[in-house]
């Protein structure tokens, strides 16, 4: 079950990225800045905005639901754990012994 939710989560993530990148800004199309005639999209300038807005909303809700589901499952099956929980600790480094003071009477 959790594998299915993870696969759905990844697909929704990719879809959400694509849908957000396809949307035009609120200020208008980039073609208007260069003297173009506006948007020539398949949906038209208004139809694309509503379809993409609905797709963004639906995919955002699915993203949140799958995220909550995955986090609840992680807490149930493992609880909070440290990443370094199973690692052995490194031995403490010791400083080398100080050299013996030189005896001025010996040469």
PDB file of N, CA and C in Angstrom:
ATOM      1  N   UNK A   1       0.821  -1.198   0.000  1.00  0.00           N
ATOM      2  CA  UNK A   1       0.000   0.000   0.000  1.00  0.00           C
ATOM      3  C   UNK A   1       0.864   1.259   0.000  1.00  0.00           C
ATOM      4  N   UNK A   2       1.918   1.236   0.828  1.00  0.00           N
ATOM      5  CA  UNK A   2       2.768   2.414   0.930  1.00  0.00           C
ATOM      6  C   UNK A   2       3.544   2.651  -0.363  1.00  0.00           C
ATOM      7  N   UNK A   3       3.860   1.592  -1.080  1.00  0.00           N
ATOM      8  CA  UNK A   3       4.559   1.743  -2.354  1.00  0.00           C
ATOM      9  C   UNK A   3       3.649   2.438  -3.360  1.00  0.00           C
ATOM     10  N   UNK A   4       2.375   2.082  -3.357  1.00  0.00           N
ATOM     11  CA  UNK A   4       1.410   2.726  -4.253  1.00  0.00           C
ATOM     12  C   UNK A   4       1.280   4.218  -3.930  1.00  0.00           C
ATOM     13  N   UNK A   5       1.222   4.558  -2.656  1.00  0.00           N
ATOM     14  CA  UNK A   5       1.111   5.967  -2.263  1.00  0.00           C
ATOM     15  C   UNK A   5       2.375   6.726  -2.653  1.00  0.00           C
ATOM     16  N   UNK A   6       3.530   6.094  -2.521  1.00  0.00           N
ATOM     17  CA  UNK A   6       4.786   6.739  -2.905  1.00  0.00           C
ATOM     18  C   UNK A   6       4.843   6.981  -4.406  1.00  0.00           C
ATOM     19  N   UNK A   7       4.400   6.018  -5.193  1.00  0.00           N
ATOM     20  CA  UNK A   7       4.389   6.183  -6.654  1.00  0.00           C
ATOM     21  C   UNK A   7       3.426   7.303  -7.051  1.00  0.00           C
ATOM     22  N   UNK A   8       2.256   7.324  -6.442  1.00  0.00           N
ATOM     23  CA  UNK A   8       1.287   8.394  -6.722  1.00  0.00           C
ATOM     24  C   UNK A   8       1.867   9.745  -6.318  1.00  0.00           C
ATOM     25  N   UNK A   9       2.561   9.786  -5.197  1.00  0.00           N
ATOM     26  CA  UNK A   9       3.163  11.036  -4.717  1.00  0.00           C
ATOM     27  C   UNK A   9       4.197  11.574  -5.708  1.00  0.00           C
ATOM     28  N   UNK A  10       5.035  10.709  -6.233  1.00  0.00           N
ATOM     29  CA  UNK A  10       6.056  11.137  -7.192  1.00  0.00           C
ATOM     30  C   UNK A  10       5.407  11.625  -8.484  1.00  0.00           C
ATOM     31  N   UNK A  11       4.395  10.920  -8.959  1.00  0.00           N
ATOM     32  CA  UNK A  11       3.701  11.336 -10.185  1.00  0.00           C
ATOM     33  C   UNK A  11       3.017  12.677  -9.979  1.00  0.00           C
ATOM     34  N   UNK A  12       2.367  12.862  -8.832  1.00  0.00           N
ATOM     35  CA  UNK A  12       1.695  14.131  -8.545  1.00  0.00           C
ATOM     36  C   UNK A  12       2.720  15.258  -8.449  1.00  0.00           C
ATOM     37  N   UNK A  13       3.880  14.978  -7.855  1.00  0.00           N
ATOM     38  CA  UNK A  13       4.934  15.995  -7.770  1.00  0.00           C
ATOM     39  C   UNK A  13       5.370  16.457  -9.157  1.00  0.00           C
ATOM     40  N   UNK A  14       5.638  15.517 -10.022  1.00  0.00           N
ATOM     41  CA  UNK A  14       6.065  15.871 -11.384  1.00  0.00           C
ATOM     42  C   UNK A  14       4.966  16.619 -12.129  1.00  0.00           C
ATOM     43  N   UNK A  15       3.724  16.164 -11.983  1.00  0.00           N
ATOM     44  CA  UNK A  15       2.604  16.828 -12.649  1.00  0.00           C
ATOM     45  C   UNK A  15       2.422  18.247 -12.130  1.00  0.00           C
ATOM     46  N   UNK A  16       2.583  18.430 -10.826  1.00  0.00           N
ATOM     47  CA  UNK A  16       2.437  19.755 -10.233  1.00  0.00           C
ATOM     48  C   UNK A  16       3.518  20.705 -10.736  1.00  0.00           C
ATOM     49  N   UNK A  17       4.725  20.224 -10.877  1.00  0.00           N
ATOM     50  CA  UNK A  17       5.807  21.051 -11.419  1.00  0.00           C
ATOM     51  C   UNK A  17       5.481  21.474 -12.836  1.00  0.00           C
ATOM     52  N   UNK A  18       5.024  20.545 -13.656  1.00  0.00           N
ATOM     53  CA  UNK A  18       4.715  20.853 -15.056  1.00  0.00           C
ATOM     54  C   UNK A  18       3.567  21.844 -15.157  1.00  0.00           C
ATOM     55  N   UNK A  19       2.518  21.638 -14.373  1.00  0.00           N
ATOM     56  CA  UNK A  19       1.343  22.504 -14.443  1.00  0.00           C
ATOM     57  C   UNK A  19       1.693  23.925 -13.999  1.00  0.00           C
ATOM     58  N   UNK A  20       2.493  24.049 -12.966  1.00  0.00           N
ATOM     59  CA  UNK A  20       2.870  25.387 -12.495  1.00  0.00           C
ATOM     60  C   UNK A  20       3.745  26.087 -13.528  1.00  0.00           C
ATOM     61  N   UNK A  21       4.645  25.358 -14.143  1.00  0.00           N
ATOM     62  CA  UNK A  21       5.509  25.985 -15.145  1.00  0.00           C
ATOM     63  C   UNK A  21       4.754  26.369 -16.419  1.00  0.00           C
ATOM     64  N   UNK A  22       3.658  25.697 -16.717  1.00  0.00           N
ATOM     65  CA  UNK A  22       2.882  26.021 -17.917  1.00  0.00           C
ATOM     66  C   UNK A  22       2.018  27.266 -17.754  1.00  0.00           C
ATOM     67  N   UNK A  23       1.761  27.668 -16.520  1.00  0.00           N
ATOM     68  CA  UNK A  23       0.880  28.808 -16.302  1.00  0.00           C
ATOM     69  C   UNK A  23       1.564  30.105 -16.692  1.00  0.00           C
ATOM     70  N   UNK A  24       0.760  31.022 -17.195  1.00  0.00           N
ATOM     71  CA  UNK A  24       1.299  32.335 -17.521  1.00  0.00           C
ATOM     72  C   UNK A  24       1.180  33.236 -16.308  1.00  0.00           C
ATOM     73  N   UNK A  25       1.978  34.273 -16.282  1.00  0.00           N
ATOM     74  CA  UNK A  25       1.951  35.193 -15.169  1.00  0.00           C
ATOM     75  C   UNK A  25       0.699  36.058 -15.190  1.00  0.00           C
ATOM     76  N   UNK A  26       0.439  36.739 -14.091  1.00  0.00           N
ATOM     77  CA  UNK A  26      -0.737  37.606 -13.994  1.00  0.00           C
ATOM     78  C   UNK A  26      -0.581  38.861 -14.856  1.00  0.00           C
ATOM     79  N   UNK A  27       0.640  39.257 -15.137  1.00  0.00           N
ATOM     80  CA  UNK A  27       0.882  40.495 -15.881  1.00  0.00           C
ATOM     81  C   UNK A  27       0.684  40.315 -17.388  1.00  0.00           C
ATOM     82  N   UNK A  28       0.476  39.137 -17.848  1.00  0.00           N
ATOM     83  CA  UNK A  28       0.278  38.913 -19.275  1.00  0.00           C
ATOM     84  C   UNK A  28       1.365  38.021 -19.839  1.00  0.00           C
ATOM     85  N   UNK A  29       1.268  37.781 -21.121  1.00  0.00           N
ATOM     86  CA  UNK A  29       2.227  36.908 -21.779  1.00  0.00           C
ATOM     87  C   UNK A  29       3.535  37.633 -22.038  1.00  0.00           C
ATOM     88  N   UNK A  30       4.593  36.867 -22.204  1.00  0.00           N
ATOM     89  CA  UNK A  30       5.895  37.440 -22.514  1.00  0.00           C
ATOM     90  C   UNK A  30       5.904  38.004 -23.927  1.00  0.00           C
ATOM     91  N   UNK A  31       5.042  37.487 -24.775  1.00  0.00           N
ATOM     92  CA  UNK A  31       5.008  37.990 -26.145  1.00  0.00           C
ATOM     93  C   UNK A  31       4.499  39.421 -26.210  1.00  0.00           C
ATOM     94  N   UNK A  32       3.716  39.832 -25.226  1.00  0.00           N
ATOM     95  CA  UNK A  32       3.229  41.207 -25.208  1.00  0.00           C
ATOM     96  C   UNK A  32       4.370  42.194 -24.981  1.00  0.00           C
ATOM     97  N   UNK A  33       5.405  41.772 -24.294  1.00  0.00           N
ATOM     98  CA  UNK A  33       6.544  42.652 -24.040  1.00  0.00           C
ATOM     99  C   UNK A  33       7.342  42.901 -25.306  1.00  0.00           C
ATOM    100  N   UNK A  34       7.286  42.003 -26.258  1.00  0.00           N
ATOM    101  CA  UNK A  34       8.050  42.137 -27.487  1.00  0.00           C
ATOM    102  C   UNK A  34       7.172  42.501 -28.687  1.00  0.00           C
ATOM    103  N   UNK A  35       5.973  42.969 -28.445  1.00  0.00           N
ATOM    104  CA  UNK A  35       5.113  43.409 -29.534  1.00  0.00           C
ATOM    105  C   UNK A  35       4.324  42.303 -30.187  1.00  0.00           C
ATOM    106  N   UNK A  36       4.191  41.167 -29.539  1.00  0.00           N
ATOM    107  CA  UNK A  36       3.421  40.061 -30.109  1.00  0.00           C
ATOM    108  C   UNK A  36       1.930  40.325 -29.998  1.00  0.00           C
ATOM    109  N   UNK A  37       1.134  39.452 -30.566  1.00  0.00           N
ATOM    110  CA  UNK A  37      -0.313  39.640 -30.561  1.00  0.00           C
ATOM    111  C   UNK A  37      -0.975  38.935 -29.387  1.00  0.00           C
ATOM    112  N   UNK A  38      -0.251  38.516 -28.430  1.00  0.00           N
ATOM    113  CA  UNK A  38      -0.854  37.855 -27.273  1.00  0.00           C
ATOM    114  C   UNK A  38      -0.689  36.361 -27.344  1.00  0.00           C
ATOM    115  N   UNK A  39      -1.457  35.690 -26.540  1.00  0.00           N
ATOM    116  CA  UNK A  39      -1.333  34.246 -26.423  1.00  0.00           C
ATOM    117  C   UNK A  39      -1.995  33.544 -27.609  1.00  0.00           C
ATOM    118  N   UNK A  40      -1.318  32.568 -28.135  1.00  0.00           N
ATOM    119  CA  UNK A  40      -1.848  31.747 -29.220  1.00  0.00           C
ATOM    120  C   UNK A  40      -1.969  30.303 -28.759  1.00  0.00           C
ATOM    121  N   UNK A  41      -2.302  30.114 -27.496  1.00  0.00           N
ATOM    122  CA  UNK A  41      -2.390  28.768 -26.925  1.00  0.00           C
ATOM    123  C   UNK A  41      -3.608  28.034 -27.477  1.00  0.00           C
ATOM    124  N   UNK A  42      -3.606  26.745 -27.317  1.00  0.00           N
ATOM    125  CA  UNK A  42      -4.707  25.926 -27.813  1.00  0.00           C
ATOM    126  C   UNK A  42      -6.006  26.226 -27.070  1.00  0.00           C
ATOM    127  N   UNK A  43      -5.939  26.534 -25.796  1.00  0.00           N
ATOM    128  CA  UNK A  43      -7.134  26.824 -25.016  1.00  0.00           C
ATOM    129  C   UNK A  43      -7.566  28.279 -25.150  1.00  0.00           C
ATOM    130  N   UNK A  44      -6.712  29.115 -25.670  1.00  0.00           N
ATOM    131  CA  UNK A  44      -6.978  30.548 -25.650  1.00  0.00           C
ATOM    132  C   UNK A  44      -6.436  31.119 -24.356  1.00  0.00           C
ATOM    133  N   UNK A  45      -6.315  32.410 -24.249  1.00  0.00           N
ATOM    134  CA  UNK A  45      -5.691  32.980 -23.057  1.00  0.00           C
ATOM    135  C   UNK A  45      -6.510  32.771 -21.787  1.00  0.00           C
ATOM    136  N   UNK A  46      -7.830  32.747 -21.865  1.00  0.00           N
ATOM    137  CA  UNK A  46      -8.655  32.600 -20.660  1.00  0.00           C
ATOM    138  C   UNK A  46      -8.934  31.134 -20.331  1.00  0.00           C
ATOM    139  N   UNK A  47      -9.158  30.312 -21.345  1.00  0.00           N
ATOM    140  CA  UNK A  47      -9.466  28.904 -21.119  1.00  0.00           C
ATOM    141  C   UNK A  47      -8.302  28.144 -20.514  1.00  0.00           C
ATOM    142  N   UNK A  48      -7.091  28.481 -20.921  1.00  0.00           N
ATOM    143  CA  UNK A  48      -5.917  27.802 -20.377  1.00  0.00           C
ATOM    144  C   UNK A  48      -5.737  28.147 -18.908  1.00  0.00           C
ATOM    145  N   UNK A  49      -6.033  29.387 -18.557  1.00  0.00           N
ATOM    146  CA  UNK A  49      -5.845  29.800 -17.173  1.00  0.00           C
ATOM    147  C   UNK A  49      -6.794  29.041 -16.251  1.00  0.00           C
ATOM    148  N   UNK A  50      -8.033  28.869 -16.662  1.00  0.00           N
ATOM    149  CA  UNK A  50      -8.967  28.167 -15.787  1.00  0.00           C
ATOM    150  C   UNK A  50      -8.653  26.677 -15.728  1.00  0.00           C
ATOM    151  N   UNK A  51      -8.310  26.069 -16.855  1.00  0.00           N
ATOM    152  CA  UNK A  51      -7.992  24.640 -16.853  1.00  0.00           C
ATOM    153  C   UNK A  51      -6.722  24.372 -16.056  1.00  0.00           C
ATOM    154  N   UNK A  52      -5.719  25.219 -16.239  1.00  0.00           N
ATOM    155  CA  UNK A  52      -4.474  25.033 -15.504  1.00  0.00           C
ATOM    156  C   UNK A  52      -4.652  25.352 -14.019  1.00  0.00           C
ATOM    157  N   UNK A  53      -5.513  26.307 -13.713  1.00  0.00           N
ATOM    158  CA  UNK A  53      -5.769  26.630 -12.306  1.00  0.00           C
ATOM    159  C   UNK A  53      -6.452  25.467 -11.594  1.00  0.00           C
ATOM    160  N   UNK A  54      -7.409  24.849 -12.264  1.00  0.00           N
ATOM    161  CA  UNK A  54      -8.086  23.685 -11.675  1.00  0.00           C
ATOM    162  C   UNK A  54      -7.119  22.518 -11.514  1.00  0.00           C
ATOM    163  N   UNK A  55      -6.273  22.302 -12.524  1.00  0.00           N
ATOM    164  CA  UNK A  55      -5.292  21.216 -12.447  1.00  0.00           C
ATOM    165  C   UNK A  55      -4.288  21.468 -11.323  1.00  0.00           C
ATOM    166  N   UNK A  56      -3.911  22.732 -11.138  1.00  0.00           N
ATOM    167  CA  UNK A  56      -2.984  23.068 -10.057  1.00  0.00           C
ATOM    168  C   UNK A  56      -3.622  22.816  -8.701  1.00  0.00           C
ATOM    169  N   UNK A  57      -4.876  23.216  -8.556  1.00  0.00           N
ATOM    170  CA  UNK A  57      -5.565  23.030  -7.280  1.00  0.00           C
ATOM    171  C   UNK A  57      -5.722  21.548  -6.953  1.00  0.00           C
ATOM    172  N   UNK A  58      -6.150  20.772  -7.927  1.00  0.00           N
ATOM    173  CA  UNK A  58      -6.354  19.336  -7.707  1.00  0.00           C
ATOM    174  C   UNK A  58      -5.035  18.644  -7.383  1.00  0.00           C
ATOM    175  N   UNK A  59      -3.981  18.968  -8.135  1.00  0.00           N
ATOM    176  CA  UNK A  59      -2.699  18.314  -7.878  1.00  0.00           C
ATOM    177  C   UNK A  59      -2.092  18.772  -6.551  1.00  0.00           C
ATOM    178  N   UNK A  60      -2.335  20.018  -6.145  1.00  0.00           N
ATOM    179  CA  UNK A  60      -1.838  20.482  -4.840  1.00  0.00           C
ATOM    180  C   UNK A  60      -2.539  19.745  -3.701  1.00  0.00           C
ATOM    181  N   UNK A  61      -3.837  19.531  -3.834  1.00  0.00           N
ATOM    182  CA  UNK A  61      -4.578  18.788  -2.803  1.00  0.00           C
ATOM    183  C   UNK A  61      -4.087  17.340  -2.744  1.00  0.00           C
ATOM    184  N   UNK A  62      -3.892  16.720  -3.893  1.00  0.00           N
ATOM    185  CA  UNK A  62      -3.375  15.346  -3.912  1.00  0.00           C
ATOM    186  C   UNK A  62      -1.976  15.275  -3.311  1.00  0.00           C
ATOM    187  N   UNK A  63      -1.153  16.273  -3.596  1.00  0.00           N
ATOM    188  CA  UNK A  63       0.200  16.327  -3.047  1.00  0.00           C
ATOM    189  C   UNK A  63       0.154  16.398  -1.520  1.00  0.00           C
ATOM    190  N   UNK A  64      -0.727  17.245  -0.994  1.00  0.00           N
ATOM    191  CA  UNK A  64      -0.836  17.364   0.463  1.00  0.00           C
ATOM    192  C   UNK A  64      -1.346  16.073   1.099  1.00  0.00           C
ATOM    193  N   UNK A  65      -2.341  15.450   0.473  1.00  0.00           N
ATOM    194  CA  UNK A  65      -2.879  14.204   1.017  1.00  0.00           C
ATOM    195  C   UNK A  65      -1.843  13.082   1.027  1.00  0.00           C
ATOM    196  N   UNK A  66      -1.111  12.940  -0.069  1.00  0.00           N
ATOM    197  CA  UNK A  66      -0.088  11.893  -0.109  1.00  0.00           C
ATOM    198  C   UNK A  66       1.061  12.206   0.848  1.00  0.00           C
ATOM    199  N   UNK A  67       1.403  13.484   1.021  1.00  0.00           N
ATOM    200  CA  UNK A  67       2.460  13.853   1.966  1.00  0.00           C
ATOM    201  C   UNK A  67       2.057  13.514   3.391  1.00  0.00           C
ATOM    202  N   UNK A  68       0.825  13.833   3.753  1.00  0.00           N
ATOM    203  CA  UNK A  68       0.349  13.522   5.106  1.00  0.00           C
ATOM    204  C   UNK A  68       0.283  12.014   5.307  1.00  0.00           C
ATOM    205  N   UNK A  69      -0.185  11.292   4.304  1.00  0.00           N
ATOM    206  CA  UNK A  69      -0.267   9.834   4.401  1.00  0.00           C
ATOM    207  C   UNK A  69       1.115   9.214   4.596  1.00  0.00           C
ATOM    208  N   UNK A  70       2.095   9.688   3.833  1.00  0.00           N
ATOM    209  CA  UNK A  70       3.449   9.148   3.957  1.00  0.00           C
ATOM    210  C   UNK A  70       4.076   9.491   5.303  1.00  0.00           C
ATOM    211  N   UNK A  71       3.823  10.686   5.801  1.00  0.00           N
ATOM    212  CA  UNK A  71       4.410  11.060   7.093  1.00  0.00           C
ATOM    213  C   UNK A  71       3.759  10.292   8.244  1.00  0.00           C
ATOM    214  N   UNK A  72       2.449  10.087   8.183  1.00  0.00           N
ATOM    215  CA  UNK A  72       1.773   9.295   9.223  1.00  0.00           C
ATOM    216  C   UNK A  72       2.280   7.857   9.199  1.00  0.00           C
ATOM    217  N   UNK A  73       2.467   7.313   8.029  1.00  0.00           N
ATOM    218  CA  UNK A  73       2.974   5.950   7.914  1.00  0.00           C
ATOM    219  C   UNK A  73       4.405   5.856   8.441  1.00  0.00           C
ATOM    220  N   UNK A  74       5.218   6.865   8.196  1.00  0.00           N
ATOM    221  CA  UNK A  74       6.595   6.843   8.692  1.00  0.00           C
ATOM    222  C   UNK A  74       6.621   6.877  10.210  1.00  0.00           C
ATOM    223  N   UNK A  75       5.727   7.632  10.810  1.00  0.00           N
ATOM    224  CA  UNK A  75       5.680   7.709  12.276  1.00  0.00           C
ATOM    225  C   UNK A  75       5.198   6.388  12.867  1.00  0.00           C
ATOM    226  N   UNK A  76       4.192   5.772  12.249  1.00  0.00           N
ATOM    227  CA  UNK A  76       3.648   4.515  12.773  1.00  0.00           C
ATOM    228  C   UNK A  76       4.660   3.381  12.711  1.00  0.00           C
ATOM    229  N   UNK A  77       5.398   3.299  11.611  1.00  0.00           N
ATOM    230  CA  UNK A  77       6.252   2.139  11.391  1.00  0.00           C
ATOM    231  C   UNK A  77       7.685   2.318  11.846  1.00  0.00           C
ATOM    232  N   UNK A  78       8.086   3.507  12.181  1.00  0.00           N
ATOM    233  CA  UNK A  78       9.468   3.630  12.592  1.00  0.00           C
ATOM    234  C   UNK A  78       9.662   4.613  13.719  1.00  0.00           C
ATOM    235  N   UNK A  79       8.832   5.573  13.770  1.00  0.00           N
ATOM    236  CA  UNK A  79       9.004   6.605  14.773  1.00  0.00           C
ATOM    237  C   UNK A  79      10.196   7.476  14.434  1.00  0.00           C
ATOM    238  N   UNK A  80      10.424   8.457  15.232  1.00  0.00           N
ATOM    239  CA  UNK A  80      11.576   9.317  14.966  1.00  0.00           C
ATOM    240  C   UNK A  80      12.879   8.591  15.284  1.00  0.00           C
ATOM    241  N   UNK A  81      13.733   8.526  14.323  1.00  0.00           N
ATOM    242  CA  UNK A  81      15.026   7.869  14.486  1.00  0.00           C
ATOM    243  C   UNK A  81      16.114   8.784  13.968  1.00  0.00           C
ATOM    244  N   UNK A  82      17.280   8.565  14.462  1.00  0.00           N
ATOM    245  CA  UNK A  82      18.428   9.312  13.984  1.00  0.00           C
ATOM    246  C   UNK A  82      19.008   8.598  12.770  1.00  0.00           C
ATOM    247  N   UNK A  83      19.548   9.339  11.869  1.00  0.00           N
ATOM    248  CA  UNK A  83      20.194   8.759  10.702  1.00  0.00           C
ATOM    249  C   UNK A  83      21.444   8.001  11.123  1.00  0.00           C
ATOM    250  N   UNK A  84      22.087   8.473  12.167  1.00  0.00           N
ATOM    251  CA  UNK A  84      23.336   7.868  12.629  1.00  0.00           C
ATOM    252  C   UNK A  84      23.116   6.869  13.763  1.00  0.00           C
ATOM    253  N   UNK A  85      21.917   6.366  13.925  1.00  0.00           N
ATOM    254  CA  UNK A  85      21.591   5.499  15.044  1.00  0.00           C
ATOM    255  C   UNK A  85      22.413   4.215  15.052  1.00  0.00           C
ATOM    256  N   UNK A  86      22.644   3.598  13.912  1.00  0.00           N
ATOM    257  CA  UNK A  86      23.357   2.320  13.868  1.00  0.00           C
ATOM    258  C   UNK A  86      24.853   2.453  13.659  1.00  0.00           C
ATOM    259  N   UNK A  87      25.374   3.653  13.561  1.00  0.00           N
ATOM    260  CA  UNK A  87      26.786   3.852  13.277  1.00  0.00           C
ATOM    261  C   UNK A  87      27.609   3.763  14.552  1.00  0.00           C
ATOM    262  N   UNK A  88      28.830   3.238  14.408  1.00  0.00           N
ATOM    263  CA  UNK A  88      29.752   3.203  15.534  1.00  0.00           C
ATOM    264  C   UNK A  88      30.392   4.577  15.674  1.00  0.00           C
ATOM    265  N   UNK A  89      30.613   4.976  16.895  1.00  0.00           N
ATOM    266  CA  UNK A  89      31.253   6.277  17.101  1.00  0.00           C
ATOM    267  C   UNK A  89      32.749   6.134  16.867  1.00  0.00           C
ATOM    268  N   UNK A  90      33.339   7.189  16.344  1.00  0.00           N
ATOM    269  CA  UNK A  90      34.772   7.185  16.074  1.00  0.00           C
ATOM    270  C   UNK A  90      35.521   7.303  17.395  1.00  0.00           C
ATOM    271  N   UNK A  91      36.691   6.672  17.499  1.00  0.00           N
ATOM    272  CA  UNK A  91      37.455   6.788  18.746  1.00  0.00           C
ATOM    273  C   UNK A  91      37.903   8.236  18.953  1.00  0.00           C
ATOM    274  N   UNK A  92      37.969   8.625  20.195  1.00  0.00           N
ATOM    275  CA  UNK A  92      38.362   9.993  20.517  1.00  0.00           C
ATOM    276  C   UNK A  92      39.827  10.195  20.162  1.00  0.00           C
ATOM    277  N   UNK A  93      40.120  11.316  19.559  1.00  0.00           N
ATOM    278  CA  UNK A  93      41.507  11.622  19.202  1.00  0.00           C
ATOM    279  C   UNK A  93      42.221  12.152  20.441  1.00  0.00           C
ATOM    280  N   UNK A  94      43.419  11.632  20.673  1.00  0.00           N
ATOM    281  CA  UNK A  94      44.215  12.095  21.803  1.00  0.00           C
ATOM    282  C   UNK A  94      45.368  12.926  21.282  1.00  0.00           C
ATOM    283  N   UNK A  95      45.785  13.852  22.091  1.00  0.00           N
ATOM    284  CA  UNK A  95      46.923  14.679  21.705  1.00  0.00           C
ATOM    285  C   UNK A  95      48.207  13.917  21.992  1.00  0.00           C
ATOM    286  N   UNK A  96      49.226  14.122  21.167  1.00  0.00           N
ATOM    287  CA  UNK A  96      50.503  13.441  21.439  1.00  0.00           C
ATOM    288  C   UNK A  96      51.114  13.973  22.731  1.00  0.00           C
ATOM    289  N   UNK A  97      51.881  13.132  23.346  1.00  0.00           N
ATOM    290  CA  UNK A  97      52.535  13.522  24.597  1.00  0.00           C
ATOM    291  C   UNK A  97      53.513  14.652  24.329  1.00  0.00           C
ATOM    292  N   UNK A  98      53.626  15.535  25.299  1.00  0.00           N
ATOM    293  CA  UNK A  98      54.557  16.659  25.159  1.00  0.00           C
ATOM    294  C   UNK A  98      55.984  16.125  25.218  1.00  0.00           C
ATOM    295  N   UNK A  99      56.863  16.685  24.390  1.00  0.00           N
ATOM    296  CA  UNK A  99      58.254  16.202  24.425  1.00  0.00           C
ATOM    297  C   UNK A  99      58.905  16.540  25.780  1.00  0.00           C
ATOM    298  N   UNK A 100      59.818  15.679  26.166  1.00  0.00           N
ATOM    299  CA  UNK A 100      60.521  15.883  27.436  1.00  0.00           C
ATOM    300  C   UNK A 100      61.387  17.131  27.336  1.00  0.00           C
ATOM    301  N   UNK A 101      61.477  17.884  28.419  1.00  0.00           N
ATOM    302  CA  UNK A 101      62.317  19.094  28.360  1.00  0.00           C
ATOM    303  C   UNK A 101      63.783  18.707  28.169  1.00  0.00           C
ATOM    304  N   UNK A 102      64.455  19.482  27.395  1.00  0.00           N
ATOM    305  CA  UNK A 102      65.884  19.223  27.130  1.00  0.00           C
ATOM    306  C   UNK A 102      66.706  19.470  28.381  1.00  0.00           C
ATOM    307  N   UNK A 103      67.639  18.565  28.649  1.00  0.00           N
ATOM    308  CA  UNK A 103      68.508  18.707  29.822  1.00  0.00           C
ATOM    309  C   UNK A 103      69.724  19.526  29.413  1.00  0.00           C
ATOM    310  N   UNK A 104      69.915  20.706  30.001  1.00  0.00           N
ATOM    311  CA  UNK A 104      71.022  21.550  29.565  1.00  0.00           C
ATOM    312  C   UNK A 104      72.382  21.007  29.965  1.00  0.00           C
ATOM    313  N   UNK A 105      72.457  20.053  30.874  1.00  0.00           N
ATOM    314  CA  UNK A 105      73.762  19.545  31.294  1.00  0.00           C
ATOM    315  C   UNK A 105      74.287  18.493  30.343  1.00  0.00           C
ATOM    316  N   UNK A 106      73.432  17.878  29.529  1.00  0.00           N
ATOM    317  CA  UNK A 106      73.895  16.852  28.573  1.00  0.00           C
ATOM    318  C   UNK A 106      74.067  17.481  27.219  1.00  0.00           C
ATOM    319  N   UNK A 107      75.114  17.031  26.547  1.00  0.00           N
ATOM    320  CA  UNK A 107      75.364  17.501  25.184  1.00  0.00           C
ATOM    321  C   UNK A 107      75.684  16.389  24.280  1.00  0.00           C
TER     322      UNK A 107
END
